[in-house]
Amino acid sequence: MDMRRRGRQTGVCHAVHVTPGTPHSARIGEEPCFAPGEGEIALKVLRCGICGTDTEIAQGLYGASPPGEDHLVPGHESLCEVEDIGPGVTGISPGDLVVPIVRRPCPEACDPCSRGRWDMCLTGHYAERGISRLHGMLRERLTDDAEHCVVLPARLREVGVLLEPLSIVEKAIEETMLIQTRTGVPLRRALVTGAGPIGLLAALVLRSRGLDVAVLDQRPDGSPKARIAQAAGARYIDDTNQPLERAAAGTAFDLVLEASGYAPLVFRALRRLGRNGAMVLTGVTAGHHTIELDVAALNQEMVLENQVLVGSVNAARQHYEAAVRDLSAWQDSLPGLAERLITARYPLASFEDALKKDPDGIKSVVEVAGP
């Protein structure tokens, strides 16, 4: 079942269906639409962002259907418009822009979930919209619990679809800065590896926090990724023509945020971490890579240098709200820059094209409601 269906069915809508575990099973199907019940809101999906998780789900590598159903509606990065509200809903009105939070608490209500930190769930029995056990937003309409939706100001209509990936960044940076309060010294230099949406959003956040930021990727200087990093005030490093080891020779970073998902680069970047530094991993490594690594020397170096390695995934409401604040601030301080992260738009009928990777592309979105 898709959440709590307490309202009456009002019709059906078009949606993308995949069969988890079955490669190339994505197709257009239909989903029932429901009037909002107690505490619920009815939403029209405006657009849905595509990321590597969506591609892996379409390839049959990941994903789980809701209990009792044989398919999953993917899509977890979205921007929606409220069409109707149910009884008991306050603070949200028809016409408002909202983004549904991806992860939902586990049924056991473990301690973190009961405190609103479902991103830190202990049981692993959480559900995630469009990913695991809960239908997502590659569909024209849905009904959701108002308490799990974040309201955006109207001025973020063009960039609001970036809110979910930005929430991931907000959490990763918040966690790392919290850890680094142990040193009593402010962070000054940061390295971001990977110039996809997560990496570029991380660069924007870190620059807005006053850090000197370098962004590493394998696209040439002058590419869209390089230009956005530079427009944000970050230094861009093309790892193909100027490897990290040479480009950052003599530089020790206080913080390294890994957003490439490429395992060999993780250990190369770790070597650039300074004394008392912290490295946060946000990208899930894909494929199999064989590398030679002196684990004993790495362990000794991390111990002697007081270094920290931490993983971060998903986000809680507080991180979505921080993302709203940052997106709003960038609209004033860096007008038009966030929009440049969206490099391709597709109609719902062409969703499969949105899943194809473009080396120079950054964020592809499906315009569910049309242009």
Protein backbone atom coordinates (compact mmCIF):
# COMPACT_ATOMS: atom_id res chain seq x y z
CA MET A 1 0.00 0.00 0.00
CA ASP A 2 1.14 3.56 -0.70
CA MET A 3 1.03 5.32 2.67
CA ARG A 4 -2.39 5.62 4.39
CA ARG A 5 -5.17 5.71 1.83
CA ARG A 6 -7.93 7.22 3.91
CA GLY A 7 -9.59 9.36 1.24
CA ARG A 8 -11.80 8.12 -1.57
CA GLN A 9 -10.32 7.26 -4.94
CA THR A 10 -10.80 10.10 -7.38
CA GLY A 11 -9.33 8.60 -10.56
CA VAL A 12 -6.01 7.45 -12.00
CA CYS A 13 -2.88 9.18 -13.26
CA HIS A 14 0.09 8.28 -15.42
CA ALA A 15 3.19 7.02 -13.61
CA VAL A 16 6.48 5.28 -14.29
CA HIS A 17 6.51 1.66 -13.13
CA VAL A 18 9.55 -0.55 -12.58
CA THR A 19 9.79 -4.13 -11.37
CA PRO A 20 12.57 -4.11 -8.76
CA GLY A 21 15.30 -6.59 -9.56
CA THR A 22 14.31 -6.79 -13.24
CA PRO A 23 16.57 -4.85 -15.61
CA HIS A 24 14.98 -2.55 -18.19
CA SER A 25 11.47 -3.06 -16.83
CA ALA A 26 10.57 0.64 -16.70
CA ARG A 27 7.34 1.54 -18.47
CA ILE A 28 4.46 3.99 -18.26
CA GLY A 29 1.51 2.71 -16.23
CA GLU A 30 -1.33 4.04 -14.12
CA GLU A 31 -1.66 4.76 -10.42
CA PRO A 32 -4.85 5.45 -8.46
CA CYS A 33 -5.38 8.98 -7.13
CA PHE A 34 -7.02 9.66 -3.77
CA ALA A 35 -8.68 12.61 -2.10
CA PRO A 36 -6.73 13.71 0.99
CA GLY A 37 -7.83 12.21 4.27
CA GLU A 38 -7.11 13.37 7.81
CA GLY A 39 -3.73 15.10 7.93
CA GLU A 40 -3.07 14.57 4.21
CA ILE A 41 -2.55 16.78 1.16
CA ALA A 42 -3.20 16.06 -2.52
CA LEU A 43 -0.25 16.99 -4.73
CA LYS A 44 0.38 17.64 -8.40
CA VAL A 45 3.95 16.70 -9.27
CA LEU A 46 5.59 19.53 -11.22
CA ARG A 47 9.01 17.99 -11.85
CA CYS A 48 11.20 15.16 -10.66
CA GLY A 49 14.99 15.08 -10.61
CA ILE A 50 16.94 12.03 -11.75
CA CYS A 51 20.02 10.69 -9.96
CA GLY A 52 22.22 7.61 -10.00
CA THR A 53 19.87 5.76 -7.65
CA ASP A 54 17.05 6.05 -10.21
CA THR A 55 19.33 4.64 -12.91
CA GLU A 56 20.32 1.71 -10.69
CA ILE A 57 16.67 0.99 -9.91
CA ALA A 58 15.87 0.98 -13.65
CA GLN A 59 18.80 -1.41 -14.17
CA GLY A 60 17.35 -3.80 -11.60
CA LEU A 61 20.21 -3.28 -9.15
CA TYR A 62 18.23 -1.70 -6.35
CA GLY A 63 14.75 -0.88 -5.06
CA ALA A 64 11.86 -2.60 -3.30
CA SER A 65 8.14 -2.49 -4.05
CA PRO A 66 5.59 -1.43 -1.42
CA PRO A 67 4.22 -4.43 0.52
CA GLY A 68 1.61 -6.31 -1.52
CA GLU A 69 2.53 -4.68 -4.84
CA ASP A 70 4.59 -6.00 -7.75
CA HIS A 71 6.02 -2.69 -8.95
CA LEU A 72 7.62 0.51 -7.69
CA VAL A 73 7.05 4.08 -8.84
CA PRO A 74 10.58 5.57 -8.77
CA GLY A 75 11.55 9.20 -8.29
CA HIS A 76 12.59 10.75 -4.98
CA GLU A 77 13.76 14.27 -5.95
CA SER A 78 10.63 16.29 -6.61
CA LEU A 79 8.81 19.58 -6.58
CA CYS A 80 5.05 19.47 -6.09
CA GLU A 81 2.12 21.87 -5.88
CA VAL A 82 -0.66 21.43 -3.34
CA GLU A 83 -4.04 20.86 -5.00
CA ASP A 84 -6.17 20.08 -1.93
CA ILE A 85 -5.82 19.64 1.82
CA GLY A 86 -7.54 17.20 4.14
CA PRO A 87 -9.09 17.75 7.57
CA GLY A 88 -6.67 18.79 10.30
CA VAL A 89 -4.01 20.22 7.97
CA THR A 90 -2.65 23.60 9.06
CA GLY A 91 0.14 25.76 7.69
CA ILE A 92 -0.29 24.46 4.13
CA SER A 93 -2.72 25.82 1.52
CA PRO A 94 -3.69 24.90 -2.05
CA GLY A 95 -1.19 26.43 -4.46
CA ASP A 96 1.76 26.07 -2.07
CA LEU A 97 4.96 24.48 -3.31
CA VAL A 98 6.13 21.47 -1.31
CA VAL A 99 8.80 18.78 -1.43
CA PRO A 100 7.95 15.40 0.13
CA ILE A 101 10.65 14.10 2.47
CA VAL A 102 12.13 10.86 1.09
CA ARG A 103 12.73 8.68 4.16
CA ARG A 104 9.93 7.78 6.56
CA PRO A 105 10.18 6.39 10.12
CA CYS A 106 10.39 2.68 10.82
CA PRO A 107 7.24 0.98 12.22
CA GLU A 108 9.12 0.10 15.42
CA ALA A 109 9.61 3.82 16.12
CA CYS A 110 13.24 3.36 17.15
CA ASP A 111 14.78 6.15 19.22
CA PRO A 112 16.13 8.25 16.33
CA CYS A 113 12.91 7.83 14.29
CA SER A 114 10.75 8.82 17.26
CA ARG A 115 12.82 12.03 17.54
CA GLY A 116 12.43 12.95 13.88
CA ARG A 117 15.86 11.61 12.89
CA TRP A 118 14.64 8.86 10.57
CA ASP A 119 17.83 9.48 8.56
CA MET A 120 19.62 7.77 11.46
CA CYS A 121 17.16 4.86 11.79
CA LEU A 122 18.51 1.97 13.87
CA THR A 123 16.31 -0.87 12.57
CA GLY A 124 16.79 -0.32 8.84
CA HIS A 125 13.04 -0.87 8.39
CA TYR A 126 12.38 2.66 7.17
CA ALA A 127 10.65 3.32 3.84
CA GLU A 128 11.93 5.70 1.18
CA ARG A 129 9.74 7.29 -1.45
CA GLY A 130 10.69 6.06 -4.89
CA ILE A 131 13.42 3.80 -3.56
CA SER A 132 12.25 1.24 -1.02
CA ARG A 133 8.77 0.10 0.05
CA LEU A 134 7.07 3.37 -0.87
CA HIS A 135 6.05 4.71 -4.28
CA GLY A 136 7.87 7.80 -5.52
CA MET A 137 7.07 10.90 -7.52
CA LEU A 138 7.55 9.96 -11.17
CA ARG A 139 3.78 10.24 -11.44
CA GLU A 140 1.32 12.99 -12.14
CA ARG A 141 -0.37 13.09 -8.73
CA LEU A 142 -0.16 11.62 -5.25
CA THR A 143 -1.51 12.05 -1.74
CA ASP A 144 0.91 12.35 1.16
CA ASP A 145 0.99 13.14 4.87
CA ALA A 146 1.34 16.88 5.39
CA GLU A 147 3.77 16.31 8.26
CA HIS A 148 6.24 14.75 5.82
CA CYS A 149 6.21 17.62 3.34
CA VAL A 150 8.38 20.77 3.40
CA VAL A 151 6.89 24.06 2.17
CA LEU A 152 8.95 26.25 -0.17
CA PRO A 153 8.48 29.94 -1.00
CA ALA A 154 7.09 30.64 -4.48
CA ARG A 155 10.38 32.25 -5.54
CA LEU A 156 12.02 28.80 -5.51
CA ARG A 157 9.69 27.36 -8.15
CA GLU A 158 12.49 27.04 -10.75
CA VAL A 159 15.09 25.51 -8.41
CA GLY A 160 12.98 23.73 -5.79
CA VAL A 161 13.61 20.34 -7.40
CA LEU A 162 17.19 20.67 -6.09
CA LEU A 163 15.99 20.70 -2.50
CA GLU A 164 16.30 16.96 -1.86
CA PRO A 165 19.91 16.59 -3.10
CA LEU A 166 20.79 19.80 -1.29
CA SER A 167 19.35 18.33 1.92
CA ILE A 168 21.87 15.46 1.60
CA VAL A 169 24.67 18.02 1.41
CA GLU A 170 23.31 20.02 4.35
CA LYS A 171 23.34 16.94 6.56
CA ALA A 172 26.82 15.81 5.50
CA ILE A 173 28.33 19.23 6.17
CA GLU A 174 26.42 19.71 9.43
CA GLU A 175 27.62 16.33 10.71
CA THR A 176 31.22 17.03 9.73
CA MET A 177 31.29 20.50 11.25
CA LEU A 178 29.77 19.10 14.44
CA ILE A 179 32.56 16.53 14.62
CA GLN A 180 35.17 19.19 13.95
CA THR A 181 34.13 21.29 16.94
CA ARG A 182 36.46 18.88 18.78
CA THR A 183 39.45 20.88 17.49
CA GLY A 184 38.23 24.32 18.54
CA VAL A 185 39.67 25.65 15.26
CA PRO A 186 37.45 26.89 12.40
CA LEU A 187 37.60 25.01 9.11
CA ARG A 188 39.37 26.97 6.38
CA ARG A 189 40.06 24.75 3.35
CA ALA A 190 37.81 22.13 1.76
CA LEU A 191 38.17 19.73 -1.15
CA VAL A 192 35.08 18.42 -2.97
CA THR A 193 35.67 15.38 -5.18
CA GLY A 194 33.08 15.05 -7.94
CA ALA A 195 31.29 17.89 -9.72
CA GLY A 196 27.88 16.33 -10.10
CA PRO A 197 24.84 17.88 -8.38
CA ILE A 198 25.95 16.81 -4.87
CA GLY A 199 29.51 18.04 -5.39
CA LEU A 200 28.53 21.42 -6.84
CA LEU A 201 25.84 21.98 -4.22
CA ALA A 202 28.43 21.10 -1.56
CA ALA A 203 30.80 23.66 -3.04
CA LEU A 204 28.06 26.30 -2.89
CA VAL A 205 27.27 25.50 0.75
CA LEU A 206 30.92 25.45 1.82
CA ARG A 207 31.66 28.72 0.03
CA SER A 208 28.64 30.31 1.72
CA ARG A 209 30.12 29.14 5.05
CA GLY A 210 33.32 31.04 4.24
CA LEU A 211 35.63 28.16 3.32
CA ASP A 212 38.26 28.19 0.60
CA VAL A 213 36.99 25.40 -1.70
CA ALA A 214 38.55 23.31 -4.47
CA VAL A 215 36.36 21.09 -6.69
CA LEU A 216 37.87 18.09 -8.47
CA ASP A 217 36.38 16.35 -11.50
CA GLN A 218 37.48 14.90 -14.85
CA ARG A 219 35.84 17.40 -17.18
CA PRO A 220 38.03 20.08 -18.78
CA ASP A 221 38.36 23.61 -17.57
CA GLY A 222 35.65 25.57 -19.40
CA SER A 223 33.08 22.76 -19.14
CA PRO A 224 29.68 23.54 -17.57
CA LYS A 225 30.77 21.89 -14.31
CA ALA A 226 33.98 23.90 -14.15
CA ARG A 227 32.20 27.17 -14.91
CA ILE A 228 29.61 26.65 -12.17
CA ALA A 229 32.29 25.76 -9.60
CA GLN A 230 34.24 28.88 -10.53
CA ALA A 231 31.13 31.07 -10.51
CA ALA A 232 30.53 29.88 -6.94
CA GLY A 233 33.99 31.13 -6.01
CA ALA A 234 35.65 27.71 -5.89
CA ARG A 235 38.86 26.61 -7.57
CA TYR A 236 38.29 23.93 -10.21
CA ILE A 237 40.78 21.07 -10.75
CA ASP A 238 40.64 18.90 -13.88
CA ASP A 239 42.00 15.62 -12.53
CA THR A 240 42.64 14.30 -16.04
CA ASN A 241 45.02 17.05 -17.18
CA GLN A 242 46.24 18.18 -13.77
CA PRO A 243 46.04 15.33 -11.25
CA LEU A 244 45.05 16.13 -7.69
CA GLU A 245 48.46 15.19 -6.33
CA ARG A 246 50.12 17.85 -8.49
CA ALA A 247 47.35 20.47 -8.42
CA ALA A 248 47.13 20.40 -4.62
CA ALA A 249 50.76 19.70 -3.83
CA GLY A 250 51.61 21.20 -0.48
CA THR A 251 47.95 21.82 0.39
CA ALA A 252 46.34 20.11 3.38
CA PHE A 253 42.54 20.27 3.50
CA ASP A 254 40.59 20.56 6.75
CA LEU A 255 37.58 18.89 5.17
CA VAL A 256 37.20 16.56 2.20
CA LEU A 257 33.68 15.87 0.90
CA GLU A 258 33.65 12.87 -1.42
CA ALA A 259 30.80 13.02 -3.96
CA SER A 260 32.16 11.05 -6.91
CA GLY A 261 31.34 7.53 -5.73
CA TYR A 262 34.65 6.36 -7.24
CA ALA A 263 36.48 4.19 -4.72
CA PRO A 264 40.10 4.77 -5.89
CA LEU A 265 39.59 8.53 -5.62
CA VAL A 266 38.47 8.15 -2.00
CA PHE A 267 41.93 7.01 -0.95
CA ARG A 268 43.74 9.53 -3.13
CA ALA A 269 41.71 12.35 -1.59
CA LEU A 270 42.27 10.96 1.89
CA ARG A 271 45.99 11.57 1.36
CA ARG A 272 45.26 15.28 0.96
CA LEU A 273 43.55 15.49 4.35
CA GLY A 274 45.38 17.64 6.85
CA ARG A 275 46.15 17.11 10.51
CA ASN A 276 42.91 16.85 12.56
CA GLY A 277 40.98 16.82 9.25
CA ALA A 278 37.70 15.06 8.48
CA MET A 279 36.54 13.31 5.33
CA VAL A 280 32.84 12.69 4.71
CA LEU A 281 31.64 10.15 2.16
CA THR A 282 28.35 10.96 0.41
CA GLY A 283 28.75 8.90 -2.78
CA VAL A 284 28.07 5.16 -2.84
CA THR A 285 30.89 3.51 -4.77
CA ALA A 286 29.75 1.64 -7.87
CA GLY A 287 31.39 -1.28 -9.67
CA HIS A 288 34.50 -3.16 -8.62
CA HIS A 289 37.90 -1.47 -8.52
CA THR A 290 41.19 -3.12 -7.56
CA ILE A 291 43.74 -0.85 -5.91
CA GLU A 292 46.94 -1.43 -3.96
CA LEU A 293 46.76 0.10 -0.51
CA ASP A 294 49.10 0.02 2.47
CA VAL A 295 46.38 -0.32 5.09
CA ALA A 296 48.81 -0.34 8.01
CA ALA A 297 50.40 2.94 6.89
CA LEU A 298 46.96 4.50 6.28
CA ASN A 299 45.76 3.42 9.71
CA GLN A 300 48.91 4.78 11.35
CA GLU A 301 48.60 8.09 9.51
CA MET A 302 44.93 8.56 10.48
CA VAL A 303 45.65 7.75 14.11
CA LEU A 304 48.73 9.94 14.40
CA GLU A 305 47.06 12.83 12.57
CA ASN A 306 43.75 12.66 14.51
CA GLN A 307 41.83 12.25 11.25
CA VAL A 308 38.17 11.28 10.94
CA LEU A 309 36.39 9.32 8.21
CA VAL A 310 32.58 9.44 8.30
CA GLY A 311 29.74 8.28 6.06
CA SER A 312 26.55 10.27 5.61
CA VAL A 313 23.28 9.37 3.89
CA ASN A 314 19.77 10.79 3.60
CA ALA A 315 18.46 13.77 5.58
CA ALA A 316 15.97 14.86 8.24
CA ARG A 317 13.49 17.72 8.14
CA GLN A 318 16.01 20.14 9.64
CA HIS A 319 18.28 19.58 6.63
CA TYR A 320 15.46 20.21 4.15
CA GLU A 321 14.70 23.44 5.98
CA ALA A 322 18.38 24.44 5.87
CA ALA A 323 18.29 23.74 2.13
CA VAL A 324 15.32 26.10 1.74
CA ARG A 325 17.30 28.84 3.49
CA ASP A 326 20.40 28.33 1.35
CA LEU A 327 18.50 28.15 -1.94
CA SER A 328 16.68 31.36 -1.01
CA ALA A 329 19.94 33.10 -0.10
CA TRP A 330 21.58 32.05 -3.37
CA GLN A 331 18.70 33.52 -5.35
CA ASP A 332 19.87 36.89 -3.99
CA SER A 333 23.65 36.46 -3.74
CA LEU A 334 24.20 34.24 -6.81
CA PRO A 335 21.18 34.88 -9.04
CA GLY A 336 20.66 32.28 -11.75
CA LEU A 337 23.51 30.00 -10.62
CA ALA A 338 21.39 27.25 -9.06
CA GLU A 339 19.24 27.07 -12.21
CA ARG A 340 22.39 26.28 -14.21
CA LEU A 341 22.70 22.94 -12.39
CA ILE A 342 19.60 21.77 -14.30
CA THR A 343 21.08 20.91 -17.70
CA ALA A 344 18.38 18.74 -19.31
CA ARG A 345 14.57 18.53 -19.15
CA TYR A 346 12.35 15.72 -20.44
CA PRO A 347 8.60 15.07 -20.59
CA LEU A 348 7.22 12.15 -18.59
CA ALA A 349 6.80 10.06 -21.75
CA SER A 350 10.57 10.36 -22.40
CA PHE A 351 11.67 9.50 -18.86
CA GLU A 352 14.05 6.80 -20.16
CA ASP A 353 16.12 9.47 -21.93
CA ALA A 354 16.55 11.24 -18.59
CA LEU A 355 18.21 8.10 -17.19
CA LYS A 356 21.04 8.26 -19.74
CA LYS A 357 24.28 9.74 -18.45
CA ASP A 358 25.75 12.80 -20.17
CA PRO A 359 29.39 13.44 -19.12
CA ASP A 360 28.86 17.19 -19.38
CA GLY A 361 25.36 17.09 -17.88
CA ILE A 362 24.70 17.89 -14.25
CA LYS A 363 21.06 17.44 -13.29
CA SER A 364 18.37 16.02 -15.56
CA VAL A 365 14.74 16.55 -14.58
CA VAL A 366 11.46 15.11 -15.80
CA GLU A 367 8.85 17.83 -16.30
CA VAL A 368 5.95 15.73 -15.06
CA ALA A 369 3.37 18.49 -15.32
CA GLY A 370 4.70 19.68 -18.68
CA PRO A 371 6.72 22.84 -19.47
